[in-house]
Amino acid sequence: MAIHPVSVQNSFGSHFVLWSIFLPILALLFVPLVVPNQSLTQPEVEMVAALGVNVAEMTQTVDQRFAAMFVENGFMAKTQSFFGSSKGGILDFASGWINGVWLMLYKATWRFFALKSIFLLPLLALAIPAAIDGFMVRATKKYRFENSNPVFFYSSMHTMVLMFGLFAFLPMAPFSLSATALLTIVILLIGGIWLTTSNFQTGT
């Protein structure tokens, strides 16, 4: 059963649940109702290829994983048969919806592998030094008996949680991904990590 953001008492946790769990589920259920065709766009594929990913090899891996999870066990075929067993009226609408759901799930799987290939190592290479430097600044403030800035802490913490949540939501995003949007998210995430760690509980 999905966790509702309201049930999470911590504000940072509730925002993360909203972006990483609740909104992706809503997108999967409702976006295909409006736009059943959830295929990958050519500009997005070209963008991933331009960032150094072997698209053909990655797509083959995605096909194998997707088939193992949903096709070979017959789950995909059963749902398509259930929602599209006959033609006409609302059943045509249901058939288009379930096909859109599966297209969206495939797109999400493809994007997950693409984002992992593009950002996993760079994020670790940037996030770890940013966190270490932030904690060193925090230690310096504590040694000098300086107070942390609560405005910086809470705003940067919310920004960091939002960026982590966006990364979790991106595979289900109903729009085509761009290099500019991805780079913006990375910069905000790294900045949020540094500001959060450098202002974390340094008051006397």
Protein backbone atom coordinates (compact mmCIF):
# COMPACT_ATOMS: atom_id res chain seq x y z
CA MET A 1 0.00 0.00 0.00
CA ALA A 2 1.38 3.41 -0.97
CA ILE A 3 2.42 5.84 1.75
CA HIS A 4 0.39 9.04 1.69
CA PRO A 5 2.50 12.20 2.22
CA VAL A 6 0.08 13.46 4.89
CA SER A 7 0.80 10.39 7.03
CA VAL A 8 4.49 11.33 7.28
CA GLN A 9 4.95 13.72 10.20
CA ASN A 10 8.38 15.08 9.23
CA SER A 11 8.03 17.83 6.61
CA PHE A 12 11.17 16.78 4.74
CA GLY A 13 10.00 13.16 4.68
CA SER A 14 6.51 14.09 3.53
CA HIS A 15 7.89 16.11 0.63
CA PHE A 16 10.16 13.24 -0.38
CA VAL A 17 7.28 10.75 -0.27
CA LEU A 18 5.16 13.15 -2.33
CA TRP A 19 7.71 13.48 -5.11
CA SER A 20 9.25 10.01 -5.13
CA ILE A 21 6.23 7.75 -4.45
CA PHE A 22 2.87 9.51 -4.54
CA LEU A 23 3.28 11.65 -7.69
CA PRO A 24 4.83 8.84 -9.80
CA ILE A 25 1.88 6.58 -8.95
CA LEU A 26 -0.59 9.34 -9.83
CA ALA A 27 1.27 10.04 -13.07
CA LEU A 28 1.22 6.35 -14.03
CA LEU A 29 -2.53 6.13 -13.42
CA PHE A 30 -3.75 9.43 -14.85
CA VAL A 31 -1.32 10.61 -17.55
CA PRO A 32 -2.22 7.72 -19.94
CA LEU A 33 -5.87 8.77 -19.59
CA VAL A 34 -5.01 12.07 -21.26
CA VAL A 35 -2.09 11.04 -23.48
CA PRO A 36 -2.10 7.28 -24.13
CA ASN A 37 0.94 7.49 -26.41
CA GLN A 38 3.78 7.51 -23.86
CA SER A 39 6.56 6.48 -26.21
CA LEU A 40 10.07 7.89 -25.87
CA THR A 41 10.74 10.93 -28.02
CA GLN A 42 13.61 11.00 -30.49
CA PRO A 43 15.16 14.20 -29.03
CA GLU A 44 15.35 12.52 -25.61
CA VAL A 45 17.04 9.44 -27.07
CA GLU A 46 19.49 11.66 -28.95
CA MET A 47 20.20 13.65 -25.79
CA VAL A 48 21.08 10.47 -23.88
CA ALA A 49 23.31 9.30 -26.76
CA ALA A 50 25.05 12.71 -26.85
CA LEU A 51 25.93 12.28 -23.16
CA GLY A 52 27.98 9.20 -23.98
CA VAL A 53 25.52 6.36 -23.40
CA ASN A 54 25.47 3.41 -25.79
CA VAL A 55 21.74 3.63 -26.48
CA ALA A 56 21.48 0.41 -28.49
CA GLU A 57 23.20 -1.67 -25.81
CA MET A 58 21.23 -0.01 -23.00
CA THR A 59 17.92 -0.50 -24.84
CA GLN A 60 18.71 -4.20 -25.25
CA THR A 61 19.30 -4.47 -21.51
CA VAL A 62 16.07 -2.60 -20.78
CA ASP A 63 14.13 -4.88 -23.12
CA GLN A 64 15.47 -7.94 -21.33
CA ARG A 65 14.69 -6.58 -17.86
CA PHE A 66 11.24 -5.36 -18.85
CA ALA A 67 10.40 -8.70 -20.46
CA ALA A 68 11.61 -10.58 -17.37
CA MET A 69 9.52 -8.42 -15.02
CA PHE A 70 6.28 -8.07 -16.98
CA VAL A 71 6.11 -10.03 -20.24
CA GLU A 72 7.46 -13.52 -19.63
CA ASN A 73 5.23 -14.05 -16.60
CA GLY A 74 2.18 -13.11 -18.66
CA PHE A 75 1.23 -10.16 -16.45
CA MET A 76 1.27 -7.62 -19.26
CA ALA A 77 -0.78 -9.82 -21.59
CA LYS A 78 -3.34 -10.55 -18.87
CA THR A 79 -3.95 -6.89 -18.10
CA GLN A 80 -4.22 -6.01 -21.79
CA SER A 81 -6.68 -8.86 -22.27
CA PHE A 82 -8.72 -7.82 -19.24
CA PHE A 83 -9.06 -4.17 -20.26
CA GLY A 84 -9.39 -4.80 -23.98
CA SER A 85 -11.35 -8.04 -24.21
CA SER A 86 -13.94 -6.48 -26.53
CA LYS A 87 -14.37 -3.36 -28.63
CA GLY A 88 -16.59 -0.34 -28.42
CA GLY A 89 -17.24 2.60 -26.14
CA ILE A 90 -15.60 2.60 -22.76
CA LEU A 91 -13.71 -0.63 -23.44
CA ASP A 92 -11.80 1.06 -26.26
CA PHE A 93 -10.92 3.81 -23.81
CA ALA A 94 -9.78 1.26 -21.19
CA SER A 95 -7.70 -0.57 -23.79
CA GLY A 96 -5.96 2.65 -24.79
CA TRP A 97 -5.35 3.48 -21.14
CA ILE A 98 -3.73 0.16 -20.22
CA ASN A 99 -1.54 0.30 -23.33
CA GLY A 100 -0.49 3.81 -22.28
CA VAL A 101 0.32 2.52 -18.78
CA TRP A 102 2.62 -0.15 -20.18
CA LEU A 103 4.27 2.32 -22.56
CA MET A 104 4.86 4.62 -19.60
CA LEU A 105 6.31 1.80 -17.51
CA TYR A 106 8.68 0.88 -20.33
CA LYS A 107 9.69 4.54 -20.72
CA ALA A 108 10.27 4.77 -16.97
CA THR A 109 12.48 1.65 -17.05
CA TRP A 110 14.46 3.04 -20.00
CA ARG A 111 14.89 6.41 -18.29
CA PHE A 112 15.99 4.75 -15.04
CA PHE A 113 18.83 2.97 -16.82
CA ALA A 114 19.70 6.13 -18.76
CA LEU A 115 19.81 8.33 -15.66
CA LYS A 116 21.84 5.72 -13.81
CA SER A 117 24.36 5.58 -16.64
CA ILE A 118 24.61 9.37 -16.91
CA PHE A 119 24.43 10.61 -13.32
CA LEU A 120 25.33 7.89 -10.80
CA LEU A 121 29.11 8.35 -10.81
CA PRO A 122 29.09 12.16 -11.40
CA LEU A 123 26.58 12.61 -8.56
CA LEU A 124 28.73 10.57 -6.18
CA ALA A 125 31.86 12.42 -7.33
CA LEU A 126 30.21 15.79 -6.63
CA ALA A 127 27.92 15.01 -3.69
CA ILE A 128 30.53 13.35 -1.45
CA PRO A 129 33.06 16.24 -1.65
CA ALA A 130 30.21 18.76 -1.22
CA ALA A 131 29.03 16.97 1.93
CA ILE A 132 32.57 16.65 3.32
CA ASP A 133 33.33 20.32 2.69
CA GLY A 134 29.97 21.32 4.19
CA PHE A 135 30.66 19.35 7.37
CA MET A 136 34.12 20.92 7.59
CA VAL A 137 32.51 24.38 7.41
CA ARG A 138 30.04 23.20 10.08
CA ALA A 139 32.91 22.05 12.32
CA THR A 140 34.65 25.39 11.87
CA LYS A 141 31.49 27.26 12.87
CA LYS A 142 31.09 25.07 15.94
CA TYR A 143 34.73 25.59 16.93
CA ARG A 144 34.25 29.36 16.67
CA PHE A 145 30.95 29.20 18.59
CA GLU A 146 29.10 30.57 15.56
CA ASN A 147 25.41 29.91 15.01
CA SER A 148 24.10 28.19 11.92
CA ASN A 149 21.64 29.96 9.70
CA PRO A 150 18.25 28.24 10.19
CA VAL A 151 16.84 29.90 7.05
CA PHE A 152 19.68 28.50 4.95
CA PHE A 153 19.35 25.11 6.61
CA TYR A 154 15.62 24.65 6.08
CA SER A 155 15.53 26.16 2.60
CA SER A 156 18.54 24.14 1.43
CA MET A 157 17.20 20.97 3.08
CA HIS A 158 13.88 21.37 1.30
CA THR A 159 15.73 22.04 -1.97
CA MET A 160 17.85 18.92 -1.50
CA VAL A 161 14.82 16.77 -0.69
CA LEU A 162 12.98 18.24 -3.68
CA MET A 163 15.88 17.43 -6.02
CA PHE A 164 16.16 13.86 -4.70
CA GLY A 165 12.42 13.52 -5.13
CA LEU A 166 12.60 14.92 -8.66
CA PHE A 167 15.25 12.38 -9.59
CA ALA A 168 12.89 9.65 -8.38
CA PHE A 169 10.00 11.24 -10.29
CA LEU A 170 11.88 11.86 -13.56
CA PRO A 171 11.41 8.33 -14.96
CA MET A 172 7.64 8.88 -14.73
CA ALA A 173 7.68 12.51 -15.89
CA PRO A 174 5.05 13.05 -18.63
CA PHE A 175 7.35 15.39 -20.57
CA SER A 176 10.50 14.86 -22.61
CA LEU A 177 13.70 15.22 -20.57
CA SER A 178 16.35 17.72 -21.59
CA ALA A 179 20.02 18.14 -20.72
CA THR A 180 19.35 21.65 -19.37
CA ALA A 181 16.70 20.44 -16.93
CA LEU A 182 18.87 17.55 -15.74
CA LEU A 183 21.91 19.81 -15.25
CA THR A 184 19.80 22.30 -13.28
CA ILE A 185 18.59 19.55 -10.96
CA VAL A 186 22.17 18.34 -10.38
CA ILE A 187 23.45 21.85 -9.58
CA LEU A 188 20.58 22.53 -7.16
CA LEU A 189 21.07 19.13 -5.51
CA ILE A 190 24.81 19.62 -4.95
CA GLY A 191 24.23 23.17 -3.72
CA GLY A 192 21.52 21.93 -1.37
CA ILE A 193 23.82 19.25 0.04
CA TRP A 194 26.59 21.77 0.75
CA LEU A 195 24.30 24.38 2.32
CA THR A 196 22.49 21.76 4.42
CA THR A 197 25.64 20.16 5.82
CA SER A 198 27.37 23.50 6.43
CA ASN A 199 24.42 24.82 8.44
CA PHE A 200 23.41 21.67 10.28
CA GLN A 201 23.01 22.12 14.08
CA THR A 202 25.96 24.37 14.74
CA GLY A 203 24.34 26.59 17.38
CA THR A 204 25.80 26.87 20.84
